[in-house]
């Protein structure tokens, strides 16, 4: 069984390492970054987190959630959203 934990983030540099530690038992970690102006993306990538950066003209949560899930590999059995 393969498990992915994913989240949507923006300007979460001070929290991303703790987020990764709390989900460290998952097989895959994914963050969809929605336009951070801090070091969220670089920190996440340095921790080995699959990080997709996407900016939205008008943010809509359901679209961002779907985009985050699109970044999860097809062989994952369970997806857990952890904000």
Protein backbone atom coordinates (compact mmCIF):
# COMPACT_ATOMS: atom_id res chain seq x y z
CA UNK A 1 0.00 0.00 0.00
CA UNK A 2 1.40 3.39 -1.02
CA UNK A 3 0.33 6.57 0.80
CA UNK A 4 0.68 10.22 -0.29
CA UNK A 5 0.26 13.25 1.92
CA UNK A 6 -0.38 16.53 0.15
CA UNK A 7 -1.10 20.14 0.96
CA UNK A 8 -1.72 23.52 -0.60
CA UNK A 9 0.68 26.20 0.63
CA UNK A 10 1.48 29.88 0.33
CA UNK A 11 4.21 31.58 2.37
CA UNK A 12 4.66 28.63 4.73
CA UNK A 13 8.47 28.64 4.96
CA UNK A 14 8.42 28.61 8.74
CA UNK A 15 6.11 25.58 8.83
CA UNK A 16 7.12 23.38 5.88
CA UNK A 17 9.85 21.44 7.68
CA UNK A 18 7.55 20.58 10.59
CA UNK A 19 4.84 19.60 8.09
CA UNK A 20 7.27 17.24 6.35
CA UNK A 21 8.37 15.71 9.64
CA UNK A 22 4.80 15.06 10.73
CA UNK A 23 4.10 13.26 7.43
CA UNK A 24 7.46 11.50 7.18
CA UNK A 25 5.96 8.00 7.24
CA UNK A 26 4.13 8.63 3.95
CA UNK A 27 5.64 7.27 0.76
CA UNK A 28 5.07 10.51 -1.17
CA UNK A 29 4.87 14.14 -0.02
CA UNK A 30 3.40 16.76 -2.35
CA UNK A 31 2.97 20.50 -1.94
CA UNK A 32 1.14 22.72 -4.38
CA UNK A 33 2.51 26.21 -3.82
CA UNK A 34 0.13 28.98 -4.87
CA UNK A 35 2.50 31.92 -5.15
CA UNK A 36 4.75 32.06 -2.10
CA UNK A 37 6.98 35.09 -1.79
CA UNK A 38 9.16 33.47 0.87
CA UNK A 39 11.35 30.35 0.71
CA UNK A 40 8.55 27.78 0.92
CA UNK A 41 9.33 26.21 -2.45
CA UNK A 42 13.10 26.02 -2.01
CA UNK A 43 12.82 24.58 1.50
CA UNK A 44 10.25 22.00 0.42
CA UNK A 45 12.34 20.90 -2.54
CA UNK A 46 15.47 20.69 -0.37
CA UNK A 47 13.54 18.29 1.88
CA UNK A 48 12.71 16.07 -1.10
CA UNK A 49 9.06 17.09 -1.26
CA UNK A 50 7.49 17.03 -4.70
CA UNK A 51 6.64 20.69 -5.14
CA UNK A 52 4.47 22.16 -7.87
CA UNK A 53 4.27 25.93 -8.12
CA UNK A 54 1.14 27.36 -9.66
CA UNK A 55 -0.30 30.84 -9.47
CA UNK A 56 -3.97 31.51 -9.97
CA UNK A 57 -5.47 34.64 -11.42
CA UNK A 58 -8.33 34.12 -8.99
CA UNK A 59 -7.72 31.52 -6.30
CA UNK A 60 -10.35 28.83 -6.03
CA UNK A 61 -9.74 26.19 -3.39
CA UNK A 62 -11.32 23.31 -5.30
CA UNK A 63 -9.12 23.97 -8.35
CA UNK A 64 -5.98 24.11 -6.23
CA UNK A 65 -6.98 20.88 -4.45
CA UNK A 66 -7.45 19.15 -7.81
CA UNK A 67 -4.12 20.48 -9.08
CA UNK A 68 -2.38 19.18 -5.96
CA UNK A 69 -3.95 15.76 -6.45
CA UNK A 70 -2.84 15.76 -10.11
CA UNK A 71 0.77 15.88 -8.87
CA UNK A 72 0.34 12.61 -6.95
CA UNK A 73 1.73 9.54 -8.76
CA UNK A 74 -0.81 7.12 -10.22
CA UNK A 75 0.47 4.20 -8.15
CA UNK A 76 -0.59 5.77 -4.84
CA UNK A 77 -3.36 3.90 -3.03
CA UNK A 78 -4.40 6.54 -0.47
CA UNK A 79 -4.18 10.34 -0.54
CA UNK A 80 -4.28 12.32 2.69
CA UNK A 81 -4.73 16.07 2.70
CA UNK A 82 -2.84 17.63 5.60
CA UNK A 83 -3.03 21.38 6.02
